[in-house]
Amino acid sequence: MSSPGQEFADRVLGGWLGRIAGNMLGKPVERGDLWTRERIDGYLRRAAALPLDDYLPEPADESDALALRPEWRQCVRGRVHGSCRDDDIDYAILGLHLLETHGFGFGTEQVGELWLQRLPYLQTFTAERAAYRNLVNGLKPPLTATYDNPCHEWIGALIRADVFGWTCPGAPHRAAALARRDAVLSHSGNGVYGAMWAAALISAAFTAPTVRQAVDAALTVVPASCRLARTVRRVVSLHETRLSWEDTLGTVSRETSGLGWIHVVPNVAVLTAGLLYGDGDFTRTIALTVRGGLDTDSNGATAGSVAGVLTGAAAVPDRWKTPLEDTVRSAVLGFDGARVSDLAERTVRLARTNTACALATLPE
């Protein structure tokens, strides 16, 4: 039997492995305007891979292959050898480095300085690229988020939030406050709320008895009237009526139409549905989330992080974690080829220094 300390470390490692595996699962079909839910399931049917229980299969025909992202050959089952480089993983690594460098009292300007020092401009996208450009031009937060930045409510800040949840287990409000300080460099409004919600969700997953209770806890850190919170509650209510996963997503998709496939609100709907209908099962959670479409690699990564924390690394099926070979590729200076196990150990050390955490989850 493992000690409580070993269990906590295993759950942090589960979060890292889940994030990377979920990201790899969704990466080949990351283009929500092309890879709709219907098209993803059509791909899987042609490849005889429904229900989905492993990395995506190789495409069954040439038209499918041409529509996939160019990196698909490194992400499909049988071809995965360590993780691909991706911003969803880069920001988790950069967040870890931020806390190691500046501690839990970091400021938003220090986040920006670290981007300029460690993150190549061409490996930033949408709101982050706008904020990066604003930093180079001498602007300070919060102007970096709002000046000439039409993407400030997109999903970018949410994908940066995991490390704040991993290092604040059982303290969702503390995790959300840290995520907000990071998010306002590049986002505002629902873009910031998405980061706060995700950090709180991951934090709550360490102590909440069920996925639903973790989702409920995460809702307490954002304004109840914001569109993100209203959309999460809508998914919860549809799930409670025992509506099917497909019909729930169809309903919410119609209600959020026009926001675009990278906007945080429809993606949080897909993510919430994947978590609730996955009901704590690692494979079902990431598979449903990626099949939900939109920003598939980002949603798969966050769903995998939550599910990995809930189950722990030891319970993540080998088919997801063994091909990762304990290795990540990263554009963050000094971290390419890092060991996943080392990143997780460093995260645990940080969590133990964070006195605001729920101490019962961090025994010696």
Protein backbone atom coordinates (compact mmCIF):
# COMPACT_ATOMS: atom_id res chain seq x y z
CA MET A 1 0.00 0.00 0.00
CA SER A 2 1.36 3.44 -0.92
CA SER A 3 1.77 6.20 1.64
CA PRO A 4 -0.33 9.38 1.39
CA GLY A 5 2.77 11.24 0.19
CA GLN A 6 3.36 8.69 -2.55
CA GLU A 7 -0.29 8.90 -3.56
CA PHE A 8 -0.07 12.68 -3.96
CA ALA A 9 3.08 12.39 -6.08
CA ASP A 10 1.39 9.73 -8.22
CA ARG A 11 -1.59 12.01 -8.82
CA VAL A 12 0.64 14.91 -9.87
CA LEU A 13 2.44 12.59 -12.27
CA GLY A 14 -0.98 11.47 -13.49
CA GLY A 15 -1.83 15.09 -14.23
CA TRP A 16 1.32 15.56 -16.30
CA LEU A 17 0.91 12.27 -18.17
CA GLY A 18 -2.78 12.94 -18.74
CA ARG A 19 -2.10 16.40 -20.11
CA ILE A 20 0.49 15.10 -22.56
CA ALA A 21 -1.50 12.04 -23.64
CA GLY A 22 -4.71 14.05 -24.12
CA ASN A 23 -2.82 16.63 -26.12
CA MET A 24 -1.30 13.95 -28.37
CA LEU A 25 -4.70 12.32 -28.86
CA GLY A 26 -6.29 15.54 -30.08
CA LYS A 27 -3.41 17.03 -32.02
CA PRO A 28 -3.99 15.40 -35.45
CA VAL A 29 -7.55 16.79 -35.67
CA GLU A 30 -6.90 20.21 -34.13
CA ARG A 31 -8.90 22.41 -36.47
CA GLY A 32 -12.43 22.80 -35.27
CA ASP A 33 -13.78 24.47 -38.38
CA LEU A 34 -12.79 21.39 -40.41
CA TRP A 35 -12.77 18.52 -37.91
CA THR A 36 -16.30 18.64 -36.56
CA ARG A 37 -17.67 16.02 -34.17
CA GLU A 38 -19.34 14.32 -37.10
CA ARG A 39 -16.18 14.28 -39.20
CA ILE A 40 -14.03 12.95 -36.34
CA ASP A 41 -16.46 10.09 -35.72
CA GLY A 42 -16.61 9.40 -39.46
CA TYR A 43 -12.82 9.10 -39.49
CA LEU A 44 -12.95 6.70 -36.55
CA ARG A 45 -15.67 4.56 -38.15
CA ARG A 46 -13.72 4.25 -41.39
CA ALA A 47 -10.72 3.11 -39.37
CA ALA A 48 -12.85 0.73 -37.24
CA ALA A 49 -11.82 2.61 -34.10
CA LEU A 50 -15.14 3.32 -32.36
CA PRO A 51 -15.41 3.31 -29.42
CA LEU A 52 -12.12 5.22 -29.21
CA ASP A 53 -9.85 3.66 -26.58
CA ASP A 54 -6.31 4.44 -27.78
CA TYR A 55 -4.46 7.13 -29.72
CA LEU A 56 -6.05 7.96 -33.06
CA PRO A 57 -5.64 5.25 -35.69
CA GLU A 58 -3.83 5.90 -38.94
CA PRO A 59 -6.20 7.35 -41.56
CA ALA A 60 -8.17 4.81 -43.54
CA ASP A 61 -8.02 6.79 -46.79
CA GLU A 62 -5.97 9.51 -48.47
CA SER A 63 -8.57 12.24 -48.08
CA ASP A 64 -8.51 11.80 -44.30
CA ALA A 65 -4.71 11.85 -44.28
CA LEU A 66 -4.59 15.10 -46.24
CA ALA A 67 -6.96 16.81 -43.82
CA LEU A 68 -4.97 15.95 -40.69
CA ARG A 69 -2.36 18.25 -39.18
CA PRO A 70 1.14 17.61 -40.57
CA GLU A 71 2.31 16.16 -37.23
CA TRP A 72 -0.18 13.29 -37.36
CA ARG A 73 2.49 10.68 -38.12
CA GLN A 74 4.07 11.31 -34.71
CA CYS A 75 0.74 11.16 -32.86
CA VAL A 76 -1.19 8.12 -34.12
CA ARG A 77 -1.14 4.75 -32.44
CA GLY A 78 2.00 2.72 -33.09
CA ARG A 79 4.01 5.81 -34.04
CA VAL A 80 4.17 7.71 -30.74
CA HIS A 81 7.73 7.94 -29.38
CA GLY A 82 7.72 10.69 -26.78
CA SER A 83 5.52 13.76 -27.06
CA CYS A 84 5.37 16.20 -29.95
CA ARG A 85 6.22 19.81 -29.23
CA ASP A 86 3.05 21.76 -28.57
CA ASP A 87 2.11 25.02 -26.87
CA ASP A 88 -0.29 23.16 -24.57
CA ILE A 89 2.75 21.46 -23.02
CA ASP A 90 5.14 24.41 -23.40
CA TYR A 91 2.97 26.58 -21.14
CA ALA A 92 2.75 23.91 -18.44
CA ILE A 93 6.54 23.74 -18.45
CA LEU A 94 6.87 27.52 -18.50
CA GLY A 95 4.45 27.80 -15.57
CA LEU A 96 6.56 25.35 -13.60
CA HIS A 97 9.68 27.40 -14.38
CA LEU A 98 7.84 30.59 -13.39
CA LEU A 99 7.04 29.23 -9.92
CA GLU A 100 10.56 27.85 -9.49
CA THR A 101 12.07 31.20 -10.50
CA HIS A 102 9.76 33.72 -8.81
CA GLY A 103 7.76 31.68 -6.32
CA PHE A 104 4.04 31.94 -5.63
CA GLY A 105 4.30 35.72 -5.25
CA PHE A 106 5.14 36.22 -8.92
CA GLY A 107 3.80 39.27 -10.75
CA THR A 108 2.22 39.46 -14.20
CA GLU A 109 5.17 41.46 -15.53
CA GLN A 110 7.47 38.62 -14.48
CA VAL A 111 5.35 36.23 -16.55
CA GLY A 112 5.96 38.46 -19.56
CA GLU A 113 9.70 38.68 -18.89
CA LEU A 114 9.92 34.90 -18.78
CA TRP A 115 8.10 34.61 -22.09
CA LEU A 116 10.62 36.94 -23.73
CA GLN A 117 13.53 35.02 -22.21
CA ARG A 118 12.38 31.46 -22.74
CA LEU A 119 9.65 31.26 -25.40
CA PRO A 120 10.26 31.83 -29.14
CA TYR A 121 7.85 34.33 -30.68
CA LEU A 122 6.91 31.99 -33.54
CA GLN A 123 5.85 29.34 -31.03
CA THR A 124 3.13 31.64 -29.67
CA PHE A 125 -0.30 31.94 -31.24
CA THR A 126 -3.48 34.06 -31.17
CA ALA A 127 -3.76 36.05 -27.92
CA GLU A 128 -0.31 35.05 -26.72
CA ARG A 129 1.31 36.30 -29.91
CA ALA A 130 -0.52 39.61 -29.62
CA ALA A 131 0.60 39.96 -26.00
CA TYR A 132 4.17 39.02 -26.89
CA ARG A 133 4.22 41.68 -29.62
CA ASN A 134 2.83 44.22 -27.17
CA LEU A 135 5.55 43.31 -24.66
CA VAL A 136 8.26 43.82 -27.26
CA ASN A 137 6.74 47.20 -28.11
CA GLY A 138 7.01 48.27 -24.48
CA LEU A 139 3.42 47.87 -23.28
CA LYS A 140 2.72 46.69 -19.74
CA PRO A 141 -0.08 44.50 -18.40
CA PRO A 142 -3.05 44.76 -18.64
CA LEU A 143 -2.62 46.69 -21.91
CA THR A 144 -0.68 43.72 -23.28
CA ALA A 145 -3.96 41.79 -23.17
CA THR A 146 -6.30 44.40 -24.61
CA TYR A 147 -4.36 46.42 -27.17
CA ASP A 148 -4.90 45.17 -30.73
CA ASN A 149 -5.79 41.71 -29.44
CA PRO A 150 -9.04 40.31 -30.90
CA CYS A 151 -8.31 36.91 -29.30
CA HIS A 152 -8.43 37.99 -25.66
CA GLU A 153 -11.37 35.68 -24.84
CA TRP A 154 -9.95 32.66 -26.61
CA ILE A 155 -8.65 29.49 -24.95
CA GLY A 156 -4.96 30.40 -24.56
CA ALA A 157 -4.96 31.39 -20.89
CA LEU A 158 -6.90 28.25 -19.94
CA ILE A 159 -4.18 26.00 -21.35
CA ARG A 160 -1.62 27.72 -19.10
CA ALA A 161 -3.49 27.01 -15.85
CA ASP A 162 -2.67 23.41 -14.94
CA VAL A 163 0.46 24.04 -12.89
CA PHE A 164 -1.45 26.35 -10.56
CA GLY A 165 -3.94 23.56 -9.84
CA TRP A 166 -1.24 20.90 -9.43
CA THR A 167 0.63 23.05 -6.89
CA CYS A 168 -2.50 24.07 -4.93
CA PRO A 169 -4.23 20.73 -4.28
CA GLY A 170 -7.53 21.18 -2.51
CA ALA A 171 -7.26 24.98 -2.63
CA PRO A 172 -9.25 26.02 -5.73
CA HIS A 173 -9.49 29.71 -4.84
CA ARG A 174 -5.74 29.93 -4.33
CA ALA A 175 -5.15 28.15 -7.65
CA ALA A 176 -7.58 30.48 -9.43
CA ALA A 177 -5.88 33.59 -8.03
CA LEU A 178 -2.52 32.43 -9.38
CA ALA A 179 -4.04 31.59 -12.76
CA ARG A 180 -5.65 35.02 -12.96
CA ARG A 181 -2.29 36.73 -12.34
CA ASP A 182 -0.84 34.78 -15.26
CA ALA A 183 -3.87 35.12 -17.55
CA VAL A 184 -4.22 38.91 -17.52
CA LEU A 185 -0.97 39.21 -19.47
CA SER A 186 -2.83 38.11 -22.61
CA HIS A 187 -6.56 37.78 -21.87
CA SER A 188 -9.56 39.51 -20.35
CA GLY A 189 -13.18 38.66 -19.54
CA ASN A 190 -14.11 35.05 -20.19
CA GLY A 191 -10.56 34.35 -21.34
CA VAL A 192 -9.35 35.03 -17.79
CA TYR A 193 -12.32 33.23 -16.22
CA GLY A 194 -11.47 30.14 -18.26
CA ALA A 195 -7.98 30.02 -16.77
CA MET A 196 -9.31 30.53 -13.25
CA TRP A 197 -11.94 27.83 -13.74
CA ALA A 198 -9.44 25.30 -15.10
CA ALA A 199 -6.92 25.89 -12.31
CA ALA A 200 -9.65 25.53 -9.70
CA LEU A 201 -11.01 22.40 -11.38
CA ILE A 202 -7.62 20.69 -11.29
CA SER A 203 -7.02 21.80 -7.71
CA ALA A 204 -10.43 20.47 -6.64
CA ALA A 205 -9.80 17.14 -8.40
CA PHE A 206 -7.25 16.27 -5.69
CA THR A 207 -9.88 16.28 -2.94
CA ALA A 208 -13.35 16.19 -4.52
CA PRO A 209 -15.04 12.76 -4.23
CA THR A 210 -16.49 12.99 -7.76
CA VAL A 211 -15.93 14.79 -11.05
CA ARG A 212 -19.23 16.61 -10.61
CA GLN A 213 -18.12 17.97 -7.25
CA ALA A 214 -14.85 19.18 -8.76
CA VAL A 215 -16.81 20.97 -11.50
CA ASP A 216 -19.08 22.55 -8.89
CA ALA A 217 -16.08 23.72 -6.85
CA ALA A 218 -14.50 25.28 -9.93
CA LEU A 219 -17.64 27.32 -10.59
CA THR A 220 -17.26 29.08 -7.24
CA VAL A 221 -14.14 31.00 -8.40
CA VAL A 222 -15.71 32.84 -11.36
CA PRO A 223 -18.63 35.28 -11.51
CA ALA A 224 -21.89 33.34 -11.60
CA SER A 225 -23.28 35.64 -14.28
CA CYS A 226 -20.39 35.35 -16.76
CA ARG A 227 -21.06 33.46 -19.96
CA LEU A 228 -18.48 30.81 -19.14
CA ALA A 229 -20.16 29.94 -15.85
CA ARG A 230 -23.61 29.93 -17.43
CA THR A 231 -22.39 27.56 -20.15
CA VAL A 232 -20.81 25.16 -17.66
CA ARG A 233 -24.05 25.13 -15.63
CA ARG A 234 -26.00 24.46 -18.81
CA VAL A 235 -23.90 21.38 -19.57
CA VAL A 236 -24.29 20.20 -15.97
CA SER A 237 -28.08 20.59 -16.15
CA LEU A 238 -28.33 18.70 -19.45
CA HIS A 239 -26.19 15.91 -18.04
CA GLU A 240 -28.49 15.72 -15.01
CA THR A 241 -31.49 15.12 -17.28
CA ARG A 242 -29.66 12.07 -18.66
CA LEU A 243 -29.56 13.54 -22.13
CA SER A 244 -27.03 11.74 -24.29
CA TRP A 245 -23.51 13.13 -24.69
CA GLU A 246 -24.18 13.79 -28.38
CA ASP A 247 -27.43 15.65 -27.72
CA THR A 248 -25.89 17.68 -24.91
CA LEU A 249 -23.09 18.87 -27.17
CA GLY A 250 -25.51 19.51 -30.01
CA THR A 251 -27.66 21.69 -27.75
CA VAL A 252 -24.76 23.72 -26.36
CA SER A 253 -23.15 24.04 -29.79
CA ARG A 254 -26.26 25.75 -31.10
CA GLU A 255 -26.37 28.03 -28.06
CA THR A 256 -22.73 29.11 -28.46
CA SER A 257 -22.68 29.32 -32.25
CA GLY A 258 -20.85 32.28 -33.70
CA LEU A 259 -18.12 32.42 -31.07
CA GLY A 260 -15.60 30.46 -33.15
CA TRP A 261 -13.80 27.20 -32.51
CA ILE A 262 -10.96 28.65 -30.40
CA HIS A 263 -13.13 30.81 -28.14
CA VAL A 264 -12.99 29.63 -24.55
CA VAL A 265 -16.75 29.33 -23.95
CA PRO A 266 -17.69 26.59 -26.47
CA ASN A 267 -14.47 24.74 -25.62
CA VAL A 268 -15.29 24.75 -21.91
CA ALA A 269 -18.65 23.22 -22.86
CA VAL A 270 -16.91 20.37 -24.71
CA LEU A 271 -14.50 19.91 -21.83
CA THR A 272 -17.22 19.87 -19.18
CA ALA A 273 -19.24 17.33 -21.15
CA GLY A 274 -16.20 15.09 -21.58
CA LEU A 275 -15.52 15.18 -17.86
CA LEU A 276 -19.11 14.55 -16.75
CA TYR A 277 -19.90 11.82 -19.25
CA GLY A 278 -16.42 10.31 -18.75
CA ASP A 279 -17.28 10.03 -15.05
CA GLY A 280 -13.72 9.57 -13.79
CA ASP A 281 -12.67 6.94 -16.33
CA PHE A 282 -9.40 8.16 -17.87
CA THR A 283 -9.82 6.69 -21.36
CA ARG A 284 -13.50 7.55 -21.72
CA THR A 285 -12.88 11.12 -20.51
CA ILE A 286 -10.16 12.04 -22.98
CA ALA A 287 -11.79 10.10 -25.82
CA LEU A 288 -15.15 11.86 -25.44
CA THR A 289 -13.47 15.24 -25.04
CA VAL A 290 -11.45 14.90 -28.22
CA ARG A 291 -14.41 13.48 -30.13
CA GLY A 292 -16.27 16.64 -29.06
CA GLY A 293 -14.24 18.65 -31.58
CA LEU A 294 -13.25 22.35 -31.54
CA ASP A 295 -9.76 22.87 -30.04
CA THR A 296 -9.21 19.15 -29.66
CA ASP A 297 -5.62 19.08 -28.45
CA SER A 298 -6.16 21.78 -25.82
CA ASN A 299 -9.37 20.22 -24.55
CA GLY A 300 -7.86 16.74 -24.57
CA ALA A 301 -4.89 18.04 -22.59
CA THR A 302 -6.98 19.66 -19.85
CA ALA A 303 -9.37 16.72 -19.65
CA GLY A 304 -6.38 14.39 -19.37
CA SER A 305 -4.90 16.51 -16.61
CA VAL A 306 -8.10 16.37 -14.56
CA ALA A 307 -8.61 12.65 -15.19
CA GLY A 308 -4.97 11.90 -14.42
CA VAL A 309 -5.20 13.71 -11.08
CA LEU A 310 -8.40 11.83 -10.26
CA THR A 311 -6.96 8.40 -11.05
CA GLY A 312 -3.23 8.83 -10.45
CA ALA A 313 -0.49 7.79 -12.86
CA ALA A 314 -0.51 4.15 -11.77
CA ALA A 315 -4.13 3.80 -12.94
CA VAL A 316 -3.58 5.47 -16.34
CA PRO A 317 -3.61 2.60 -18.86
CA ASP A 318 -0.19 1.70 -20.27
CA ARG A 319 -1.36 2.28 -23.84
CA TRP A 320 -1.49 6.00 -23.08
CA LYS A 321 1.66 6.48 -21.02
CA THR A 322 4.19 3.90 -22.27
CA PRO A 323 4.53 5.40 -25.80
CA LEU A 324 5.37 8.78 -24.22
CA GLU A 325 8.69 7.25 -23.11
CA ASP A 326 8.85 9.65 -20.15
CA THR A 327 10.00 12.38 -22.55
CA VAL A 328 8.64 15.74 -23.75
CA ARG A 329 9.66 17.92 -26.66
CA SER A 330 9.44 21.61 -25.86
CA ALA A 331 10.21 25.00 -27.38
CA VAL A 332 10.86 26.41 -23.89
CA LEU A 333 14.59 27.17 -23.71
CA GLY A 334 16.40 24.57 -21.63
CA PHE A 335 13.53 22.06 -21.40
CA ASP A 336 13.53 20.16 -24.70
CA GLY A 337 13.85 16.45 -23.96
CA ALA A 338 12.88 16.83 -20.30
CA ARG A 339 11.66 13.78 -18.40
CA VAL A 340 7.98 13.81 -17.48
CA SER A 341 8.83 12.15 -14.18
CA ASP A 342 11.32 14.93 -13.37
CA LEU A 343 8.77 17.65 -14.19
CA ALA A 344 6.28 15.92 -11.88
CA GLU A 345 8.83 15.64 -9.05
CA ARG A 346 9.63 19.34 -9.37
CA THR A 347 5.91 20.13 -9.26
CA VAL A 348 5.50 18.12 -6.05
CA ARG A 349 8.40 20.00 -4.43
CA LEU A 350 6.75 23.30 -5.32
CA ALA A 351 3.40 22.17 -3.93
CA ARG A 352 5.03 21.30 -0.61
CA THR A 353 6.35 24.85 -0.28
CA ASN A 354 2.94 26.38 -0.94
CA THR A 355 1.59 26.90 2.56
CA ALA A 356 -1.82 27.95 1.21
CA CYS A 357 -2.48 24.42 0.00
CA ALA A 358 -4.76 22.01 1.80
CA LEU A 359 -2.09 20.54 4.08
CA ALA A 360 -3.95 17.28 4.58
CA THR A 361 -3.17 16.36 0.97
CA LEU A 362 0.56 16.98 1.42
CA PRO A 363 1.84 14.71 4.18
CA GLU A 364 5.57 14.34 4.81
